[in-house]
């Protein structure tokens, strides 16, 4: 039986998320210890500012007929994520993460461009990051908590009281599954962007280069990831 049963290449509604923490090591990490370590040495030599922290990668993820996303995650090294990203194709591991799709009062989307020292340097997507151990509450993924934390860390925006869609959507491609919800900001896009720029300027080592405003599906900047391109087309359709 397939470990990952997700519709690919389309945006799909998700009624609920039940992704659980498996305390055992991820089988992929155990089976690839030596090559993961060698790849990490190469990656770190190229970019010494990379940090080999802990994140969560699934060994199983399925969207059932009721729209429930059910899965199992394991804590792995960031090095494991980097090796997987270069060597996709294993049926035992994929990536799953969440993004808060920020919609300004004027209808524009507000994304970010990642900083030059990060593993995604120059890439454009909504402020977000992989699930980390702190994003699991009582053994279950806290998707909203993850989105709020990542947006705060990267942009300084507090989404705690921001209106959002009542449910999630999902977009999956190339072994990478993104959950997202649209958040409706009360300010226009340029005002939001100025707030983000001020936050970035105040940080000693900001994660992002700055905000990116997208006003149409024909307005995609260089470096836009496939997930963001798909959401943009869907949002403006």
Protein backbone atom coordinates (compact mmCIF):
# COMPACT_ATOMS: atom_id res chain seq x y z
CA UNK A 1 0.00 0.00 0.00
CA UNK A 2 1.27 3.47 -0.91
CA UNK A 3 2.47 5.57 2.01
CA UNK A 4 1.54 8.81 0.25
CA UNK A 5 -1.90 9.11 -1.29
CA UNK A 6 -2.29 12.77 -2.21
CA UNK A 7 -3.83 14.29 -5.35
CA UNK A 8 -0.98 15.89 -7.27
CA UNK A 9 -0.80 19.10 -9.22
CA UNK A 10 -4.22 20.46 -8.22
CA UNK A 11 -5.53 22.62 -5.39
CA UNK A 12 -7.77 20.53 -3.18
CA UNK A 13 -9.90 21.52 -0.14
CA UNK A 14 -8.93 19.94 3.19
CA UNK A 15 -11.56 19.59 5.91
CA UNK A 16 -9.20 18.73 8.78
CA UNK A 17 -5.59 17.86 9.56
CA UNK A 18 -4.56 14.95 11.77
CA UNK A 19 -0.81 14.54 11.39
CA UNK A 20 0.71 12.73 14.36
CA UNK A 21 4.21 12.52 15.78
CA UNK A 22 5.92 9.13 15.61
CA UNK A 23 8.73 9.16 18.23
CA UNK A 24 10.73 6.56 16.34
CA UNK A 25 13.52 7.62 13.95
CA UNK A 26 12.50 8.12 10.35
CA UNK A 27 13.38 4.96 8.36
CA UNK A 28 14.80 7.09 5.51
CA UNK A 29 17.24 8.79 7.87
CA UNK A 30 18.39 5.49 9.38
CA UNK A 31 18.98 3.93 5.96
CA UNK A 32 20.94 6.89 4.59
CA UNK A 33 23.09 8.02 7.52
CA UNK A 34 26.41 8.04 5.68
CA UNK A 35 25.24 9.81 2.50
CA UNK A 36 23.25 12.35 4.52
CA UNK A 37 26.37 13.21 6.50
CA UNK A 38 28.55 13.49 3.40
CA UNK A 39 26.01 15.72 1.67
CA UNK A 40 25.81 17.88 4.79
CA UNK A 41 29.59 18.38 4.79
CA UNK A 42 29.37 19.58 1.21
CA UNK A 43 26.36 21.84 1.84
CA UNK A 44 27.89 23.36 4.96
CA UNK A 45 31.23 23.95 3.24
CA UNK A 46 29.38 25.89 0.54
CA UNK A 47 27.26 27.82 3.03
CA UNK A 48 28.71 27.77 6.59
CA UNK A 49 25.69 29.72 7.90
CA UNK A 50 23.41 26.72 7.45
CA UNK A 51 22.28 25.22 10.75
CA UNK A 52 21.60 21.50 11.18
CA UNK A 53 18.51 21.84 13.36
CA UNK A 54 15.55 19.52 13.82
CA UNK A 55 12.44 19.45 11.66
CA UNK A 56 9.63 17.01 10.97
CA UNK A 57 9.23 14.92 7.82
CA UNK A 58 6.39 12.46 7.18
CA UNK A 59 6.65 8.76 6.45
CA UNK A 60 2.94 8.61 5.62
CA UNK A 61 0.41 11.15 4.35
CA UNK A 62 -3.03 10.53 2.93
CA UNK A 63 -6.08 12.60 2.01
CA UNK A 64 -9.15 10.43 2.55
CA UNK A 65 -12.60 10.65 0.98
CA UNK A 66 -13.86 12.94 3.75
CA UNK A 67 -11.16 15.50 3.07
CA UNK A 68 -9.14 14.59 6.17
CA UNK A 69 -5.36 14.82 5.83
CA UNK A 70 -3.94 12.02 7.95
CA UNK A 71 -0.26 11.39 8.44
CA UNK A 72 2.70 10.43 10.56
CA UNK A 73 5.84 12.57 11.08
CA UNK A 74 9.28 11.93 12.54
CA UNK A 75 11.93 14.31 13.85
CA UNK A 76 14.91 14.43 11.47
CA UNK A 77 18.02 16.49 10.91
CA UNK A 78 17.88 19.48 8.59
CA UNK A 79 20.70 17.66 6.82
CA UNK A 80 18.27 14.85 6.03
CA UNK A 81 15.90 17.35 4.42
CA UNK A 82 18.71 18.74 2.24
CA UNK A 83 19.75 15.28 1.09
CA UNK A 84 16.14 14.28 0.35
CA UNK A 85 15.66 17.47 -1.66
CA UNK A 86 18.55 16.48 -3.94
CA UNK A 87 17.51 12.84 -4.17
CA UNK A 88 13.73 12.72 -4.42
CA UNK A 89 12.15 9.46 -5.42
CA UNK A 90 12.08 7.37 -2.25
CA UNK A 91 8.55 6.07 -1.57
CA UNK A 92 9.19 6.34 2.18
CA UNK A 93 9.60 10.09 2.67
CA UNK A 94 8.14 13.38 1.47
CA UNK A 95 7.86 16.95 2.73
CA UNK A 96 4.74 18.55 4.20
CA UNK A 97 4.52 22.15 5.38
CA UNK A 98 2.00 24.94 5.89
CA UNK A 99 1.78 28.50 4.56
CA UNK A 100 -0.36 31.46 5.53
CA UNK A 101 -1.34 33.02 2.19
CA UNK A 102 -1.44 36.72 3.02
CA UNK A 103 -4.12 38.68 1.16
CA UNK A 104 -3.94 42.46 1.51
CA UNK A 105 -7.01 44.71 1.68
CA UNK A 106 -6.54 45.62 -1.99
CA UNK A 107 -6.58 41.94 -3.01
CA UNK A 108 -2.84 41.60 -3.66
CA UNK A 109 -0.85 38.71 -2.25
CA UNK A 110 2.13 39.47 -0.01
CA UNK A 111 4.96 36.95 -0.23
CA UNK A 112 8.66 37.14 0.71
CA UNK A 113 12.03 36.58 -0.95
CA UNK A 114 14.38 34.45 1.15
CA UNK A 115 17.72 35.84 2.30
CA UNK A 116 21.01 35.00 0.55
CA UNK A 117 22.36 32.99 3.49
CA UNK A 118 19.41 30.57 3.65
CA UNK A 119 18.97 27.16 2.01
CA UNK A 120 16.32 28.72 -0.26
CA UNK A 121 18.24 31.85 -1.17
CA UNK A 122 16.36 34.09 -3.59
CA UNK A 123 13.25 31.89 -3.67
CA UNK A 124 9.85 33.57 -3.41
CA UNK A 125 6.97 32.10 -1.41
CA UNK A 126 4.73 32.97 1.51
CA UNK A 127 6.59 33.31 4.80
CA UNK A 128 6.71 29.76 6.10
CA UNK A 129 8.90 26.92 7.29
CA UNK A 130 8.92 23.20 7.95
CA UNK A 131 7.16 21.81 10.98
CA UNK A 132 9.45 21.74 14.01
CA UNK A 133 9.11 19.81 17.29
CA UNK A 134 7.49 22.82 18.98
CA UNK A 135 4.71 22.73 16.37
CA UNK A 136 3.37 19.47 17.79
CA UNK A 137 0.94 19.73 20.70
CA UNK A 138 0.05 16.50 22.51
CA UNK A 139 1.63 14.61 19.63
CA UNK A 140 -0.42 16.30 16.91
CA UNK A 141 0.66 18.93 14.37
CA UNK A 142 -0.52 22.44 15.24
CA UNK A 143 -0.77 23.84 11.72
CA UNK A 144 -2.08 27.26 12.74
CA UNK A 145 0.60 27.60 15.41
CA UNK A 146 3.29 26.77 12.85
CA UNK A 147 1.99 29.33 10.33
CA UNK A 148 1.71 32.08 12.93
CA UNK A 149 5.19 31.38 14.34
CA UNK A 150 6.89 31.37 10.95
CA UNK A 151 5.19 34.56 9.76
CA UNK A 152 6.13 36.33 13.00
CA UNK A 153 9.75 35.17 12.84
CA UNK A 154 10.25 36.15 9.21
CA UNK A 155 8.10 39.28 8.82
CA UNK A 156 7.20 40.51 12.31
CA UNK A 157 3.47 40.30 11.45
CA UNK A 158 1.19 38.96 14.19
CA UNK A 159 -1.65 36.91 12.68
CA UNK A 160 -3.26 35.97 16.00
CA UNK A 161 -6.40 38.07 15.43
CA UNK A 162 -6.34 38.15 11.62
CA UNK A 163 -9.40 36.81 9.82
CA UNK A 164 -8.68 33.65 7.86
CA UNK A 165 -10.50 31.14 5.72
CA UNK A 166 -12.46 28.56 7.73
CA UNK A 167 -10.68 25.62 6.11
CA UNK A 168 -7.42 24.60 4.45
CA UNK A 169 -6.46 23.86 0.90
CA UNK A 170 -3.67 21.63 -0.33
CA UNK A 171 -1.27 21.65 -3.25
CA UNK A 172 1.13 18.75 -3.78
CA UNK A 173 3.84 18.37 -6.41
CA UNK A 174 7.15 16.50 -6.67
CA UNK A 175 6.85 14.93 -3.23
CA UNK A 176 6.17 18.26 -1.53
CA UNK A 177 2.73 18.86 -0.01
CA UNK A 178 1.73 22.36 1.07
CA UNK A 179 -1.26 23.17 3.26
CA UNK A 180 -2.43 26.76 3.14
CA UNK A 181 -5.09 29.14 4.38
CA UNK A 182 -5.74 32.65 3.13
CA UNK A 183 -5.37 35.35 5.79
CA UNK A 184 -7.15 38.64 5.07
CA UNK A 185 -5.12 41.64 6.23
CA UNK A 186 -6.74 44.99 7.04
CA UNK A 187 -4.07 47.08 5.28
CA UNK A 188 -3.21 47.50 1.63
CA UNK A 189 -0.26 45.60 0.22
CA UNK A 190 2.24 48.47 0.17
CA UNK A 191 1.53 49.33 3.82
CA UNK A 192 2.05 45.68 4.79
CA UNK A 193 5.25 45.59 2.76
CA UNK A 194 6.57 48.69 4.53
CA UNK A 195 5.95 47.06 7.90
CA UNK A 196 7.85 43.98 6.77
CA UNK A 197 10.74 46.08 5.43
CA UNK A 198 10.99 47.90 8.76
CA UNK A 199 11.09 44.58 10.59
CA UNK A 200 13.79 43.20 8.30
CA UNK A 201 15.87 46.35 8.82
CA UNK A 202 15.63 45.90 12.59
CA UNK A 203 16.89 42.30 12.54
CA UNK A 204 20.57 41.42 12.97
CA UNK A 205 20.26 38.34 10.75
CA UNK A 206 16.90 38.49 8.95
CA UNK A 207 15.71 35.29 7.29
CA UNK A 208 14.22 37.14 4.34
CA UNK A 209 15.51 39.70 1.88
CA UNK A 210 12.16 41.50 1.88
CA UNK A 211 8.49 41.42 0.86
CA UNK A 212 7.17 40.67 -2.61
CA UNK A 213 3.77 42.03 -3.72
CA UNK A 214 1.89 40.00 -6.34
CA UNK A 215 -1.09 41.65 -7.99
CA UNK A 216 -1.96 39.14 -10.73
CA UNK A 217 -1.14 35.70 -12.08
CA UNK A 218 0.96 37.50 -14.70
CA UNK A 219 2.93 39.27 -11.97
CA UNK A 220 5.14 36.40 -10.80
CA UNK A 221 8.71 37.47 -10.00
CA UNK A 222 11.85 35.48 -10.71
CA UNK A 223 12.39 32.77 -8.11
CA UNK A 224 8.69 32.04 -7.51
CA UNK A 225 8.24 28.46 -6.29
CA UNK A 226 5.73 26.18 -8.01
CA UNK A 227 3.44 26.11 -4.98
CA UNK A 228 3.14 29.90 -4.91
CA UNK A 229 2.59 30.04 -8.69
CA UNK A 230 -0.30 27.57 -8.35
CA UNK A 231 -1.91 29.50 -5.49
CA UNK A 232 -1.55 32.77 -7.40
CA UNK A 233 -3.32 31.39 -10.47
CA UNK A 234 -6.07 29.93 -8.25
CA UNK A 235 -6.47 33.09 -6.13
CA UNK A 236 -6.79 35.45 -9.10
CA UNK A 237 -8.93 33.15 -11.25
